[in-house]
Structure formats: C-alpha cells, structure tokens
Amino acid sequence: MGSLGIIEWTLIVLIILLFFGAKRIPGIARTIGQSVKEFRNAKSEPGEDEDNEKIE
C-alpha cells in the first residue's frame, strides 16, 4: 500500500464529478477553503477569544 498514483486520483476526481456535478464543485471548494482559513485564524490567535469572553 503506497501512495495514490495518477490512475487512482483520476478515478477519485471522476467519482466526485459524478456524485456532485460540475456546477457544485466550485462552491464546495470555496466553502472548504473558507473553513480552513477560519480554522487557521482561530488556531493562530488563541488569546483573542479569551479576552472577548471576559469583557462580555
């Protein structure tokens, strides 16, 4: 069991295209990108939320 080759990646992409359709994939990718961005921002600034909770 090694890493995935070009044939496996091609099959994965084709299955995703069939399952979601070509029109929905950009929206899904955008949503995933925004989620990752928010997670990284929250991870890099852990003290900011604690200060806001004390004030409220």
N, C-alpha and C. Protein backbone atom coordinates (compact mmCIF):
# COMPACT_ATOMS: atom_id res chain seq x y z
N MET A 1 0.84 -1.18 0.00
CA MET A 1 0.00 0.00 0.00
C MET A 1 0.88 1.24 0.00
N GLY A 2 1.03 1.82 -1.17
CA GLY A 2 1.82 3.03 -1.29
C GLY A 2 0.93 4.24 -1.45
N SER A 3 1.52 5.26 -1.97
CA SER A 3 0.74 6.48 -2.21
C SER A 3 -0.15 6.29 -3.43
N LEU A 4 -1.09 7.20 -3.60
CA LEU A 4 -2.02 7.11 -4.71
C LEU A 4 -1.34 7.54 -6.00
N GLY A 5 -1.55 6.78 -7.05
CA GLY A 5 -0.99 7.10 -8.36
C GLY A 5 -1.95 7.92 -9.18
N ILE A 6 -1.57 8.20 -10.40
CA ILE A 6 -2.38 9.05 -11.28
C ILE A 6 -3.71 8.38 -11.62
N ILE A 7 -3.73 7.09 -11.75
CA ILE A 7 -4.99 6.39 -12.08
C ILE A 7 -5.97 6.49 -10.92
N GLU A 8 -5.49 6.32 -9.70
CA GLU A 8 -6.36 6.42 -8.54
C GLU A 8 -6.92 7.82 -8.38
N TRP A 9 -6.07 8.85 -8.57
CA TRP A 9 -6.53 10.23 -8.46
C TRP A 9 -7.57 10.55 -9.53
N THR A 10 -7.34 10.03 -10.74
CA THR A 10 -8.30 10.24 -11.82
C THR A 10 -9.64 9.61 -11.48
N LEU A 11 -9.63 8.42 -10.95
CA LEU A 11 -10.88 7.77 -10.55
C LEU A 11 -11.59 8.55 -9.44
N ILE A 12 -10.84 9.05 -8.49
CA ILE A 12 -11.44 9.82 -7.39
C ILE A 12 -12.09 11.08 -7.93
N VAL A 13 -11.41 11.79 -8.83
CA VAL A 13 -11.97 13.01 -9.41
C VAL A 13 -13.22 12.70 -10.22
N LEU A 14 -13.21 11.63 -11.00
CA LEU A 14 -14.38 11.26 -11.78
C LEU A 14 -15.57 10.91 -10.89
N ILE A 15 -15.32 10.21 -9.82
CA ILE A 15 -16.40 9.85 -8.90
C ILE A 15 -16.99 11.10 -8.25
N ILE A 16 -16.12 12.04 -7.86
CA ILE A 16 -16.59 13.29 -7.28
C ILE A 16 -17.42 14.07 -8.29
N LEU A 17 -16.96 14.12 -9.54
CA LEU A 17 -17.72 14.82 -10.58
C LEU A 17 -19.09 14.18 -10.79
N LEU A 18 -19.15 12.87 -10.80
CA LEU A 18 -20.43 12.19 -10.97
C LEU A 18 -21.35 12.39 -9.78
N PHE A 19 -20.78 12.39 -8.59
CA PHE A 19 -21.59 12.49 -7.38
C PHE A 19 -22.15 13.89 -7.18
N PHE A 20 -21.29 14.93 -7.32
CA PHE A 20 -21.72 16.30 -7.03
C PHE A 20 -22.13 17.08 -8.28
N GLY A 21 -21.57 16.78 -9.41
CA GLY A 21 -21.83 17.56 -10.61
C GLY A 21 -20.84 18.70 -10.75
N ALA A 22 -20.58 19.09 -11.98
CA ALA A 22 -19.56 20.11 -12.24
C ALA A 22 -19.96 21.49 -11.73
N LYS A 23 -21.23 21.78 -11.63
CA LYS A 23 -21.67 23.11 -11.20
C LYS A 23 -21.48 23.34 -9.70
N ARG A 24 -21.55 22.30 -8.90
CA ARG A 24 -21.48 22.46 -7.44
C ARG A 24 -20.07 22.40 -6.90
N ILE A 25 -19.12 21.85 -7.65
CA ILE A 25 -17.77 21.65 -7.13
C ILE A 25 -17.08 22.97 -6.76
N PRO A 26 -17.16 24.05 -7.57
CA PRO A 26 -16.51 25.31 -7.14
C PRO A 26 -17.07 25.85 -5.82
N GLY A 27 -18.36 25.72 -5.60
CA GLY A 27 -18.94 26.18 -4.34
C GLY A 27 -18.47 25.35 -3.16
N ILE A 28 -18.37 24.06 -3.37
CA ILE A 28 -17.88 23.17 -2.30
C ILE A 28 -16.43 23.49 -1.98
N ALA A 29 -15.60 23.69 -3.02
CA ALA A 29 -14.19 24.02 -2.81
C ALA A 29 -14.05 25.36 -2.10
N ARG A 30 -14.88 26.33 -2.44
CA ARG A 30 -14.85 27.64 -1.80
C ARG A 30 -15.20 27.52 -0.32
N THR A 31 -16.21 26.74 -0.01
CA THR A 31 -16.63 26.55 1.38
C THR A 31 -15.54 25.87 2.20
N ILE A 32 -14.91 24.87 1.62
CA ILE A 32 -13.81 24.18 2.31
C ILE A 32 -12.65 25.14 2.54
N GLY A 33 -12.33 25.95 1.54
CA GLY A 33 -11.25 26.92 1.68
C GLY A 33 -11.52 27.94 2.78
N GLN A 34 -12.75 28.43 2.85
CA GLN A 34 -13.11 29.38 3.90
C GLN A 34 -13.04 28.73 5.28
N SER A 35 -13.45 27.49 5.37
CA SER A 35 -13.40 26.78 6.66
C SER A 35 -11.97 26.60 7.12
N VAL A 36 -11.09 26.23 6.20
CA VAL A 36 -9.68 26.05 6.55
C VAL A 36 -9.07 27.38 6.97
N LYS A 37 -9.41 28.45 6.27
CA LYS A 37 -8.90 29.78 6.61
C LYS A 37 -9.35 30.20 8.01
N GLU A 38 -10.63 30.00 8.33
CA GLU A 38 -11.14 30.34 9.66
C GLU A 38 -10.47 29.50 10.74
N PHE A 39 -10.25 28.22 10.45
CA PHE A 39 -9.59 27.35 11.43
C PHE A 39 -8.18 27.82 11.69
N ARG A 40 -7.44 28.16 10.63
CA ARG A 40 -6.06 28.63 10.81
C ARG A 40 -6.03 29.95 11.59
N ASN A 41 -6.97 30.85 11.30
CA ASN A 41 -7.01 32.11 12.04
C ASN A 41 -7.32 31.88 13.52
N ALA A 42 -8.24 31.00 13.80
CA ALA A 42 -8.60 30.70 15.19
C ALA A 42 -7.44 30.01 15.91
N LYS A 43 -6.71 29.18 15.20
CA LYS A 43 -5.60 28.46 15.79
C LYS A 43 -4.42 29.39 16.07
N SER A 44 -4.20 30.38 15.21
CA SER A 44 -3.05 31.26 15.38
C SER A 44 -3.30 32.37 16.40
N GLU A 45 -4.56 32.64 16.74
CA GLU A 45 -4.90 33.69 17.69
C GLU A 45 -5.72 33.13 18.84
N PRO A 46 -5.13 32.29 19.69
CA PRO A 46 -5.94 31.67 20.75
C PRO A 46 -6.34 32.62 21.86
N GLY A 47 -5.55 33.64 22.15
CA GLY A 47 -5.85 34.54 23.26
C GLY A 47 -6.92 35.56 22.96
N GLU A 48 -7.22 35.79 21.72
CA GLU A 48 -8.19 36.82 21.36
C GLU A 48 -9.59 36.48 21.84
N ASP A 49 -10.03 35.24 21.72
CA ASP A 49 -11.36 34.84 22.15
C ASP A 49 -11.50 34.91 23.67
N GLU A 50 -10.44 34.59 24.38
CA GLU A 50 -10.49 34.62 25.83
C GLU A 50 -10.71 36.04 26.34
N ASP A 51 -10.08 37.03 25.69
CA ASP A 51 -10.26 38.42 26.11
C ASP A 51 -11.69 38.88 25.86
N ASN A 52 -12.28 38.49 24.76
CA ASN A 52 -13.66 38.88 24.45
C ASN A 52 -14.65 38.28 25.43
N GLU A 53 -14.41 37.08 25.87
CA GLU A 53 -15.33 36.43 26.81
C GLU A 53 -15.29 37.11 28.17
N LYS A 54 -14.13 37.61 28.59
CA LYS A 54 -14.02 38.26 29.89
C LYS A 54 -14.77 39.60 29.89
N ILE A 55 -14.76 40.31 28.76
CA ILE A 55 -15.39 41.61 28.66
C ILE A 55 -16.91 41.47 28.68
N GLU A 56 -17.42 40.48 27.98
CA GLU A 56 -18.87 40.30 27.86
C GLU A 56 -19.45 39.78 29.11
